[in-house]
Amino acid sequence: MAKLEGDHKRFRNSYRASMMVAFAMVAATTAAITIIVVWLVFGAYFASYTSDNMKSVASFAAERISEEYSYVRSMGSVNYNLVMENLQLGEDAGLMVLDTNGNTLYDSSASAGTAEGKGEGPGSASQVAIAAVTHGGEDVGSVRIWIYGSDVLMSRPDIAFRDNMYQSLFMAGGFAVIIAMLIGLWFSRSLMRPIRKISAAAQEISQGNLAARTGLQGGNELSRLGQQFDVMAESIERDRDMEMQLTSDVAHELRTPLMAIQATVEAMIDGVYDTDPEHLALVDGEVRRLSRLVDALLKLSRLERRSQPMNEEVNDIGELVDAVVTSHEVLVQDSGLQIEAHTGKPVKAVCDKDLIKQAVANLISNAVRYTPEGGRIDVYVREEDGWAVIDVKDTGIGMTPEEEKMVFSRFWRADSDRGRKSGGLGIGLSVVKEIVSQHKGQIAAKGEKGVGSTFTIMIPAYDEDASRKQARAAMRAFEMRQRPQKK
């Protein structure tokens, strides 16, 4: 019993129940509007139709009386009972014939009496169909027809037809609400199926199962949401694996210099090594290596948290690249490589020059690390379609299409053994990606295995004309604010 109550409560608070109620409310509202419109419009037209019908009956009665009058030449001698039989009025209809002086010549209510519950004559009715009896172009009397107990000229069959129609509308509205609830139930079930899959996958991921996927396929919005969720889950799982690899790499990188420092210091303490500049330089080198590792991790962390605001200003990207290339010439030449900058005409952009220089430096360092001796590195600066573009091209080991997708991921290295020997942690390109992202730019990598790689940075170029327009608009707005207002 408690389980049934719990299931009922969950259903009542579920999205499915909300959908059913929403569909039912839409159907009920539509039915109510339809009934009201039909009630008002059809009721008025139907009453007008029945009134016109009764007026036609009165005109027909007047014509029949006129024909009888042409024979007897007296309104009092007309056989009104015969006229009534020809009219075939219902029992709920009354007929009265008056002469030109207003005297009653025939009254069906008087002949039928009021004891049958028919009510009084036309004096109690608010609507009466009146037709003139004419002969030779002159009025000789008049006919009045009304409905007993009704303020409209509507007979009982007409009223029954109207009521049956309204009843049918109410029944149709009720069926529409039921059908809408069933459709809402079916629709909510089809809608909840992918939502449940996404929810189940999210719950499994929250519990540590990063391999959970929705497996949704299709082109609708929920299917695309599920596919994006799966892409996100794959990214999380990949980052988790890379972070685990980072833990191993960092442990290795930290352990090696720490062990070297420890062994050297213990040897000096024990007197095995002399405390001379040579051994102190060895300790200093390992400390510096540790410092570089820690600085690299802290730099990426600060960039991701955006703890330091950017110092944005208009800079010539070519000048920044020339400065970086010049500062790296010695390092590149010591590695047996050649480097050259191709800057050409000025290309300006609003950027933080220190961050852009750091991004270019990281790309050059990456190229040096993965380019064999005798290779070369070329850095190009150009403007294309409103972008300031920086290309760093090398003749190194290159990349496969799969590696192109992974190269900017944190803690990933194309050649882990080579990277470890050269001191790389696999976060330099992640730093570049974060810098470009903060400049609302794009970054891409393209390579061919054994031929080389090209890394491309794109940030919005400086539009001097647009800047002038904005400045003028800002100045006009400032002047408008400074003008004295009229009292």
Protein backbone atom coordinates (compact mmCIF):
# COMPACT_ATOMS: atom_id res chain seq x y z
CA MET A 1 0.00 0.00 0.00
CA ALA A 2 2.80 2.38 0.92
CA LYS A 3 4.56 1.52 -2.35
CA LEU A 4 1.43 2.32 -4.35
CA GLU A 5 1.06 5.63 -2.54
CA GLY A 6 4.71 6.43 -3.23
CA ASP A 7 4.35 5.58 -6.93
CA HIS A 8 1.21 7.71 -7.12
CA LYS A 9 2.98 10.64 -5.49
CA ARG A 10 5.97 10.33 -7.81
CA PHE A 11 3.69 10.20 -10.85
CA ARG A 12 1.75 13.23 -9.61
CA ASN A 13 4.99 15.22 -9.31
CA SER A 14 6.48 13.86 -12.54
CA TYR A 15 7.01 15.58 -15.84
CA ARG A 16 4.65 13.05 -17.44
CA ALA A 17 1.78 14.16 -15.23
CA SER A 18 2.58 17.79 -16.01
CA MET A 19 2.48 17.06 -19.74
CA MET A 20 -0.86 15.27 -19.41
CA VAL A 21 -2.32 18.18 -17.44
CA ALA A 22 -0.93 20.69 -19.95
CA PHE A 23 -2.42 18.84 -22.92
CA ALA A 24 -5.74 18.44 -21.09
CA MET A 25 -5.81 22.17 -20.23
CA VAL A 26 -5.10 23.10 -23.85
CA ALA A 27 -7.87 20.78 -25.06
CA ALA A 28 -10.29 22.02 -22.39
CA THR A 29 -9.52 25.66 -23.19
CA THR A 30 -9.99 25.04 -26.93
CA ALA A 31 -13.26 23.21 -26.30
CA ALA A 32 -14.50 25.95 -23.96
CA ILE A 33 -13.68 28.68 -26.48
CA THR A 34 -15.39 26.69 -29.24
CA ILE A 35 -18.52 26.14 -27.15
CA ILE A 36 -18.72 29.79 -26.11
CA VAL A 37 -18.25 31.02 -29.69
CA VAL A 38 -20.84 28.55 -30.99
CA TRP A 39 -23.18 29.45 -28.12
CA LEU A 40 -23.00 33.14 -28.90
CA VAL A 41 -22.78 33.12 -32.67
CA PHE A 42 -24.89 30.09 -33.51
CA GLY A 43 -27.47 30.95 -30.84
CA ALA A 44 -27.98 34.41 -32.30
CA TYR A 45 -28.14 33.15 -35.88
CA PHE A 46 -30.41 30.24 -34.98
CA ALA A 47 -32.82 32.54 -33.10
CA SER A 48 -32.83 34.86 -36.10
CA TYR A 49 -33.48 31.90 -38.39
CA THR A 50 -36.44 30.63 -36.32
CA SER A 51 -37.84 34.18 -36.07
CA ASP A 52 -37.67 34.58 -39.84
CA ASN A 53 -39.28 31.18 -40.21
CA MET A 54 -42.20 32.20 -37.97
CA LYS A 55 -42.58 35.45 -39.91
CA SER A 56 -42.76 33.40 -43.10
CA VAL A 57 -45.48 31.26 -41.50
CA ALA A 58 -47.39 34.43 -40.51
CA SER A 59 -47.11 35.77 -44.06
CA PHE A 60 -48.34 32.46 -45.42
CA ALA A 61 -51.30 32.54 -43.01
CA ALA A 62 -52.08 36.12 -44.07
CA GLU A 63 -52.06 35.02 -47.72
CA ARG A 64 -54.42 32.12 -46.98
CA ILE A 65 -56.81 34.42 -45.08
CA SER A 66 -56.66 36.92 -47.93
CA GLU A 67 -57.65 34.19 -50.37
CA GLU A 68 -60.60 33.19 -48.15
CA TYR A 69 -61.53 36.86 -47.75
CA SER A 70 -61.73 37.29 -51.52
CA TYR A 71 -64.60 34.76 -51.52
CA VAL A 72 -66.57 35.74 -48.41
CA ARG A 73 -65.79 39.50 -48.44
CA SER A 74 -65.79 39.55 -44.63
CA MET A 75 -63.02 38.92 -42.13
CA GLY A 76 -65.57 37.55 -39.67
CA SER A 77 -66.78 34.90 -42.15
CA VAL A 78 -63.34 33.40 -42.82
CA ASN A 79 -62.93 29.74 -41.73
CA TYR A 80 -59.89 30.22 -39.49
CA ASN A 81 -59.88 26.60 -38.34
CA LEU A 82 -59.25 25.56 -41.94
CA VAL A 83 -56.41 28.05 -42.12
CA MET A 84 -54.91 26.56 -38.93
CA GLU A 85 -55.08 23.07 -40.40
CA ASN A 86 -53.27 24.23 -43.52
CA LEU A 87 -50.56 25.92 -41.44
CA GLN A 88 -49.92 22.81 -39.33
CA LEU A 89 -48.58 24.86 -36.42
CA GLY A 90 -47.34 22.94 -33.43
CA GLU A 91 -49.23 22.84 -30.16
CA ASP A 92 -46.77 25.30 -28.65
CA ALA A 93 -47.62 27.98 -31.24
CA GLY A 94 -50.48 30.47 -30.99
CA LEU A 95 -52.24 32.43 -33.70
CA MET A 96 -54.42 35.52 -33.45
CA VAL A 97 -56.30 37.37 -36.24
CA LEU A 98 -57.32 41.01 -35.80
CA ASP A 99 -59.33 43.33 -38.00
CA THR A 100 -58.25 46.84 -38.89
CA ASN A 101 -59.94 48.20 -35.77
CA GLY A 102 -57.94 45.88 -33.48
CA ASN A 103 -60.85 43.58 -32.72
CA THR A 104 -59.96 39.94 -32.22
CA LEU A 105 -61.50 37.77 -34.90
CA TYR A 106 -59.72 34.54 -33.98
CA ASP A 107 -57.56 33.50 -31.00
CA SER A 108 -56.12 29.97 -30.83
CA SER A 109 -55.23 30.46 -27.16
CA ALA A 110 -58.84 31.31 -26.33
CA SER A 111 -60.12 28.29 -28.22
CA ALA A 112 -57.57 25.97 -26.58
CA GLY A 113 -57.91 27.52 -23.14
CA THR A 114 -55.19 28.19 -20.63
CA ALA A 115 -55.78 25.14 -18.50
CA GLU A 116 -53.41 23.08 -20.57
CA GLY A 117 -50.49 25.13 -19.43
CA LYS A 118 -50.03 26.93 -22.73
CA GLY A 119 -50.08 30.33 -21.14
CA GLU A 120 -51.83 33.45 -22.23
CA GLY A 121 -52.04 35.09 -25.63
CA PRO A 122 -49.52 37.29 -27.36
CA GLY A 123 -49.66 39.88 -24.63
CA SER A 124 -47.29 37.69 -22.54
CA ALA A 125 -44.80 37.19 -25.40
CA SER A 126 -41.90 39.54 -26.06
CA GLN A 127 -41.70 38.59 -29.72
CA VAL A 128 -44.60 38.13 -32.11
CA ALA A 129 -44.51 37.47 -35.84
CA ILE A 130 -46.96 39.91 -37.48
CA ALA A 131 -48.18 39.89 -41.09
CA ALA A 132 -50.81 42.14 -42.70
CA VAL A 133 -53.85 40.65 -44.47
CA THR A 134 -54.41 42.65 -47.64
CA HIS A 135 -56.98 42.67 -50.40
CA GLY A 136 -56.91 44.90 -53.40
CA GLY A 137 -53.89 46.71 -51.99
CA GLU A 138 -55.63 47.60 -48.74
CA ASP A 139 -55.16 46.17 -45.26
CA VAL A 140 -58.22 44.29 -44.05
CA GLY A 141 -56.63 42.78 -40.94
CA SER A 142 -53.49 41.28 -39.45
CA VAL A 143 -52.10 37.91 -38.28
CA ARG A 144 -50.02 37.42 -35.15
CA ILE A 145 -48.09 34.22 -34.32
CA TRP A 146 -46.12 33.54 -31.12
CA ILE A 147 -44.70 30.64 -29.12
CA TYR A 148 -46.23 29.81 -25.73
CA GLY A 149 -43.89 30.33 -22.76
CA SER A 150 -41.00 31.58 -24.91
CA ASP A 151 -39.58 35.04 -25.36
CA VAL A 152 -38.27 34.07 -28.82
CA LEU A 153 -40.01 32.69 -31.86
CA MET A 154 -38.52 29.24 -31.38
CA SER A 155 -40.63 26.10 -31.31
CA ARG A 156 -40.03 23.10 -29.11
CA PRO A 157 -38.36 21.07 -31.90
CA ASP A 158 -36.08 24.03 -32.57
CA ILE A 159 -35.21 24.29 -28.88
CA ALA A 160 -34.62 20.54 -28.71
CA PHE A 161 -32.31 20.74 -31.75
CA ARG A 162 -30.37 23.59 -30.19
CA ASP A 163 -30.02 21.82 -26.83
CA ASN A 164 -28.94 18.58 -28.49
CA MET A 165 -26.32 20.46 -30.45
CA TYR A 166 -24.95 22.08 -27.29
CA GLN A 167 -24.93 18.71 -25.55
CA SER A 168 -22.98 17.23 -28.47
CA LEU A 169 -20.46 20.05 -28.19
CA PHE A 170 -19.96 19.38 -24.49
CA MET A 171 -19.51 15.66 -25.16
CA ALA A 172 -17.03 16.40 -27.96
CA GLY A 173 -15.11 18.69 -25.60
CA GLY A 174 -14.97 15.96 -22.96
CA PHE A 175 -13.72 13.42 -25.51
CA ALA A 176 -11.14 15.96 -26.72
CA VAL A 177 -9.81 16.37 -23.17
CA ILE A 178 -9.54 12.59 -22.72
CA ILE A 179 -7.82 12.14 -26.09
CA ALA A 180 -5.48 15.05 -25.30
CA MET A 181 -4.52 13.42 -22.00
CA LEU A 182 -3.76 10.15 -23.79
CA ILE A 183 -1.71 11.99 -26.40
CA GLY A 184 0.08 13.85 -23.60
CA LEU A 185 0.83 10.52 -21.91
CA TRP A 186 2.21 9.04 -25.13
CA PHE A 187 4.17 12.18 -25.95
CA SER A 188 5.62 12.45 -22.46
CA ARG A 189 6.70 8.81 -22.56
CA SER A 190 8.49 9.30 -25.87
CA LEU A 191 9.99 12.53 -24.52
CA MET A 192 11.04 11.06 -21.20
CA ARG A 193 12.84 8.08 -22.75
CA PRO A 194 15.90 10.05 -23.92
CA ILE A 195 15.75 12.24 -20.81
CA ARG A 196 15.92 9.11 -18.64
CA LYS A 197 18.93 7.89 -20.60
CA ILE A 198 20.71 11.20 -20.12
CA SER A 199 19.78 11.26 -16.43
CA ALA A 200 20.96 7.67 -15.92
CA ALA A 201 24.26 8.39 -17.67
CA ALA A 202 24.76 11.55 -15.60
CA GLN A 203 24.08 9.63 -12.39
CA GLU A 204 26.59 6.92 -13.33
CA ILE A 205 29.21 9.53 -14.15
CA SER A 206 28.56 11.26 -10.81
CA GLN A 207 29.18 7.89 -9.13
CA GLY A 208 32.52 7.51 -10.87
CA ASN A 209 31.65 5.50 -13.97
CA LEU A 210 33.09 7.83 -16.61
CA ALA A 211 32.49 5.22 -19.33
CA ALA A 212 28.69 5.74 -19.14
CA ARG A 213 27.08 7.01 -22.36
CA THR A 214 23.54 7.75 -23.48
CA GLY A 215 23.92 6.12 -26.89
CA LEU A 216 21.25 8.41 -28.34
CA GLN A 217 21.05 8.76 -32.12
CA GLY A 218 18.89 10.98 -34.28
CA GLY A 219 18.47 14.55 -35.41
CA ASN A 220 16.00 16.00 -32.90
CA GLU A 221 17.01 18.34 -30.08
CA LEU A 222 17.05 15.71 -27.32
CA SER A 223 19.10 13.31 -29.44
CA ARG A 224 21.59 16.06 -30.17
CA LEU A 225 21.68 16.89 -26.46
CA GLY A 226 22.46 13.24 -25.72
CA GLN A 227 25.19 13.21 -28.35
CA GLN A 228 26.73 16.37 -26.91
CA PHE A 229 26.49 14.78 -23.46
CA ASP A 230 28.41 11.77 -24.77
CA VAL A 231 31.04 14.07 -26.28
CA MET A 232 31.32 15.85 -22.93
CA ALA A 233 31.62 12.52 -21.11
CA GLU A 234 34.36 11.41 -23.50
CA SER A 235 36.18 14.68 -22.87
CA ILE A 236 35.87 14.22 -19.11
CA GLU A 237 37.08 10.65 -19.32
CA ARG A 238 39.97 11.68 -21.56
CA ASP A 239 40.93 14.51 -19.19
CA ARG A 240 40.71 12.13 -16.24
CA ASP A 241 43.04 9.70 -17.99
CA MET A 242 45.39 12.54 -18.86
CA GLU A 243 45.33 13.81 -15.29
CA MET A 244 46.18 10.33 -14.09
CA GLN A 245 49.02 10.35 -16.61
CA LEU A 246 50.00 13.78 -15.29
CA THR A 247 50.19 12.41 -11.78
CA SER A 248 52.56 9.74 -13.00
CA ASP A 249 54.58 12.20 -15.08
CA VAL A 250 54.78 14.80 -12.32
CA ALA A 251 55.79 12.15 -9.80
CA HIS A 252 58.52 10.98 -12.18
CA GLU A 253 59.65 14.49 -13.02
CA LEU A 254 59.75 15.56 -9.38
CA ARG A 255 61.27 12.35 -8.09
CA THR A 256 64.23 12.41 -10.48
CA PRO A 257 65.56 15.88 -9.53
CA LEU A 258 64.68 15.38 -5.87
CA MET A 259 66.62 12.11 -5.77
CA ALA A 260 69.54 13.76 -7.53
CA ILE A 261 69.47 16.67 -5.07
CA GLN A 262 69.16 14.30 -2.11
CA ALA A 263 72.01 12.06 -3.29
CA THR A 264 74.29 15.01 -4.00
CA VAL A 265 73.58 16.72 -0.67
CA GLU A 266 74.01 13.46 1.30
CA ALA A 267 77.28 12.80 -0.50
CA MET A 268 78.51 16.27 0.41
CA ILE A 269 77.41 15.78 4.01
CA ASP A 270 79.18 12.43 4.18
CA GLY A 271 82.30 13.93 2.64
CA VAL A 272 82.06 11.86 -0.53
CA TYR A 273 81.64 15.02 -2.61
CA ASP A 274 83.35 18.29 -1.91
CA THR A 275 81.14 21.31 -1.34
CA ASP A 276 82.48 23.00 -4.44
CA PRO A 277 80.86 25.06 -7.21
CA GLU A 278 80.61 22.03 -9.50
CA HIS A 279 78.39 20.01 -7.15
CA LEU A 280 76.46 23.09 -6.02
CA ALA A 281 75.77 23.87 -9.70
CA LEU A 282 74.37 20.34 -10.08
CA VAL A 283 71.99 20.95 -7.16
CA ASP A 284 71.10 24.38 -8.56
CA GLY A 285 70.25 22.89 -11.97
CA GLU A 286 67.88 20.35 -10.47
CA VAL A 287 66.23 23.03 -8.33
CA ARG A 288 65.73 25.18 -11.39
CA ARG A 289 64.17 22.21 -13.17
CA LEU A 290 61.74 21.76 -10.28
CA SER A 291 60.97 25.46 -10.37
CA ARG A 292 60.14 25.29 -14.10
CA LEU A 293 57.74 22.41 -13.52
CA VAL A 294 55.94 24.21 -10.72
CA ASP A 295 55.82 27.49 -12.64
CA ALA A 296 54.30 25.78 -15.67
CA LEU A 297 51.54 24.22 -13.58
CA LEU A 298 50.83 27.48 -11.73
CA LYS A 299 50.75 29.44 -14.99
CA LEU A 300 48.12 27.14 -16.50
CA SER A 301 46.09 27.25 -13.28
CA ARG A 302 46.10 31.07 -13.19
CA LEU A 303 45.10 31.30 -16.84
CA GLU A 304 42.20 28.89 -16.39
CA ARG A 305 40.98 30.74 -13.28
CA ARG A 306 41.57 34.10 -15.02
CA SER A 307 42.81 35.44 -11.72
CA GLN A 308 44.80 38.20 -13.44
CA PRO A 309 43.02 40.73 -15.70
CA MET A 310 44.35 41.14 -19.22
CA ASN A 311 46.18 44.34 -20.15
CA GLU A 312 44.53 44.88 -23.53
CA GLU A 313 45.83 47.51 -25.92
CA VAL A 314 46.43 47.92 -29.65
CA ASN A 315 49.63 46.08 -30.62
CA ASP A 316 51.44 45.32 -33.85
CA ILE A 317 51.46 41.52 -33.93
CA GLY A 318 54.45 41.51 -36.27
CA GLU A 319 56.55 43.45 -33.76
CA LEU A 320 55.59 41.03 -30.98
CA VAL A 321 56.53 38.02 -33.13
CA ASP A 322 59.84 39.60 -34.16
CA ALA A 323 60.72 40.14 -30.49
CA VAL A 324 59.91 36.53 -29.58
CA VAL A 325 61.85 35.10 -32.54
CA THR A 326 64.86 37.27 -31.70
CA SER A 327 64.85 36.13 -28.06
CA HIS A 328 64.70 32.46 -29.15
CA GLU A 329 67.39 32.56 -31.85
CA VAL A 330 70.14 31.35 -29.54
CA LEU A 331 68.02 28.47 -28.18
CA VAL A 332 67.01 27.42 -31.69
CA GLN A 333 70.54 27.60 -33.06
CA ASP A 334 71.92 25.62 -30.10
CA SER A 335 69.41 22.90 -31.02
CA GLY A 336 70.82 22.75 -34.55
CA LEU A 337 67.78 24.43 -36.12
CA GLN A 338 67.06 27.57 -38.11
CA ILE A 339 64.30 30.08 -37.38
CA GLU A 340 62.94 33.01 -39.38
CA ALA A 341 60.07 35.48 -38.92
CA HIS A 342 57.95 36.60 -41.90
CA THR A 343 56.02 39.64 -40.68
CA GLY A 344 55.44 41.84 -43.75
CA LYS A 345 53.03 44.75 -43.40
CA PRO A 346 51.73 45.76 -39.93
CA VAL A 347 48.92 43.64 -38.54
CA LYS A 348 47.27 45.17 -35.48
CA ALA A 349 45.04 43.63 -32.83
CA VAL A 350 43.72 44.52 -29.38
CA CYS A 351 45.51 42.06 -27.10
CA ASP A 352 47.66 41.52 -24.04
CA LYS A 353 51.12 41.62 -25.59
CA ASP A 354 52.74 39.57 -22.82
CA LEU A 355 50.22 36.76 -23.22
CA ILE A 356 50.50 36.74 -27.02
CA LYS A 357 54.30 36.67 -26.78
CA GLN A 358 54.04 33.79 -24.31
CA ALA A 359 51.73 31.88 -26.70
CA VAL A 360 54.15 32.33 -29.62
CA ALA A 361 57.10 31.38 -27.40
CA ASN A 362 55.36 28.18 -26.33
CA LEU A 363 54.70 27.24 -29.96
CA ILE A 364 58.33 27.87 -30.88
CA SER A 365 59.54 25.85 -27.87
CA ASN A 366 57.20 23.04 -28.88
CA ALA A 367 58.57 23.14 -32.43
CA VAL A 368 62.15 23.03 -31.12
CA ARG A 369 61.31 20.03 -28.94
CA TYR A 370 59.82 17.97 -31.77
CA THR A 371 62.01 19.04 -34.72
CA PRO A 372 65.15 16.98 -35.43
CA GLU A 373 68.52 18.65 -35.82
CA GLY A 374 68.94 20.34 -39.18
CA GLY A 375 65.29 21.38 -39.44
CA ARG A 376 63.81 24.85 -39.53
CA ILE A 377 61.01 26.87 -37.98
CA ASP A 378 59.16 29.64 -39.81
CA VAL A 379 56.78 32.11 -38.15
CA TYR A 380 54.33 33.98 -40.39
CA VAL A 381 52.11 36.98 -39.55
CA ARG A 382 49.23 38.00 -41.81
CA GLU A 383 45.73 39.48 -41.77
CA GLU A 384 42.88 37.45 -43.24
CA ASP A 385 39.10 38.07 -43.18
CA GLY A 386 39.26 40.31 -40.12
CA TRP A 387 41.64 38.03 -38.20
CA ALA A 388 45.23 38.61 -37.14
CA VAL A 389 46.85 35.27 -37.99
CA ILE A 390 50.08 33.78 -36.65
CA ASP A 391 51.42 30.56 -38.23
CA VAL A 392 54.28 28.62 -36.61
CA LYS A 393 55.50 26.04 -39.10
CA ASP A 394 58.20 23.43 -38.46
CA THR A 395 59.80 20.48 -40.24
CA GLY A 396 59.46 18.19 -37.23
CA ILE A 397 57.93 14.77 -36.60
CA GLY A 398 54.46 15.94 -37.66
CA MET A 399 51.08 14.67 -36.50
CA THR A 400 48.41 12.21 -37.48
CA PRO A 401 44.75 13.35 -37.87
CA GLU A 402 43.98 11.73 -34.50
CA GLU A 403 46.85 13.62 -32.85
CA GLU A 404 45.58 16.90 -34.34
CA LYS A 405 42.40 16.48 -32.28
CA MET A 406 44.33 15.75 -29.06
CA VAL A 407 47.27 18.13 -29.33
CA PHE A 408 45.69 20.96 -27.29
CA SER A 409 44.40 18.70 -24.53
CA ARG A 410 45.98 19.11 -21.17
CA PHE A 411 48.82 16.77 -20.22
CA TRP A 412 48.95 15.14 -23.66
CA ARG A 413 52.26 14.61 -25.44
CA ALA A 414 52.86 13.28 -28.94
CA ASP A 415 56.07 11.54 -27.95
CA SER A 416 56.10 10.92 -24.22
CA ASP A 417 59.64 9.55 -24.06
CA ARG A 418 61.10 12.43 -26.03
CA GLY A 419 58.99 14.92 -24.09
CA ARG A 420 60.14 13.54 -20.75
CA LYS A 421 63.79 13.68 -21.74
CA SER A 422 63.45 17.26 -22.88
CA GLY A 423 61.55 18.33 -19.76
CA GLY A 424 58.10 18.78 -21.32
CA LEU A 425 54.97 18.17 -19.29
CA GLY A 426 52.48 18.42 -22.14
CA ILE A 427 50.79 21.59 -20.90
CA GLY A 428 52.48 24.23 -23.05
CA LEU A 429 49.92 23.96 -25.85
CA SER A 430 47.10 23.99 -23.30
CA VAL A 431 48.45 27.33 -22.10
CA VAL A 432 48.42 28.59 -25.70
CA LYS A 433 44.82 27.46 -26.19
CA GLU A 434 43.70 29.21 -22.99
CA ILE A 435 45.46 32.44 -24.01
CA VAL A 436 43.80 32.42 -27.43
CA SER A 437 40.43 31.66 -25.84
CA GLN A 438 40.75 34.68 -23.56
CA HIS A 439 41.34 36.80 -26.65
CA LYS A 440 38.13 35.42 -28.23
CA GLY A 441 40.23 33.78 -30.93
CA GLN A 442 40.75 30.38 -32.52
CA ILE A 443 43.65 27.95 -32.66
CA ALA A 444 44.25 25.02 -34.96
CA ALA A 445 46.94 22.46 -35.73
CA LYS A 446 47.70 20.72 -38.99
CA GLY A 447 50.48 18.27 -39.71
CA GLU A 448 51.75 15.34 -41.68
CA LYS A 449 53.66 12.53 -40.05
CA GLY A 450 57.38 12.79 -40.79
CA VAL A 451 56.96 16.09 -42.70
CA GLY A 452 56.14 18.73 -40.10
CA SER A 453 53.38 20.66 -38.35
CA THR A 454 51.75 24.08 -38.56
CA PHE A 455 50.09 25.73 -35.57
CA THR A 456 47.78 28.66 -36.36
CA ILE A 457 46.61 31.36 -33.94
CA MET A 458 43.74 33.64 -35.01
CA ILE A 459 42.61 36.64 -32.93
CA PRO A 460 40.29 39.47 -34.04
CA ALA A 461 42.21 42.13 -35.95
CA TYR A 462 41.96 45.77 -34.94
CA ASP A 463 39.43 47.69 -37.06
CA GLU A 464 40.57 51.29 -36.99
CA ASP A 465 37.50 52.65 -38.83
CA ALA A 466 35.09 50.91 -36.47
CA SER A 467 37.10 52.19 -33.52
CA ARG A 468 36.85 55.76 -34.80
CA LYS A 469 33.07 55.42 -35.23
CA GLN A 470 32.72 54.10 -31.69
CA ALA A 471 34.88 56.93 -30.38
CA ARG A 472 32.79 59.55 -32.20
CA ALA A 473 29.56 57.97 -30.94
CA ALA A 474 30.92 57.95 -27.39
CA MET A 475 31.98 61.60 -27.73
CA ARG A 476 28.54 62.64 -29.01
CA ALA A 477 26.87 60.80 -26.16
CA PHE A 478 29.19 62.54 -23.67
CA GLU A 479 28.45 65.95 -25.18
CA MET A 480 24.72 65.32 -25.03
CA ARG A 481 25.00 64.51 -21.33
CA GLN A 482 26.99 67.68 -20.71
CA ARG A 483 24.48 70.01 -22.36
CA PRO A 484 22.33 71.99 -19.90
CA GLN A 485 18.77 70.75 -19.87
CA LYS A 486 15.96 73.23 -20.52
CA LYS A 487 13.79 73.89 -17.53
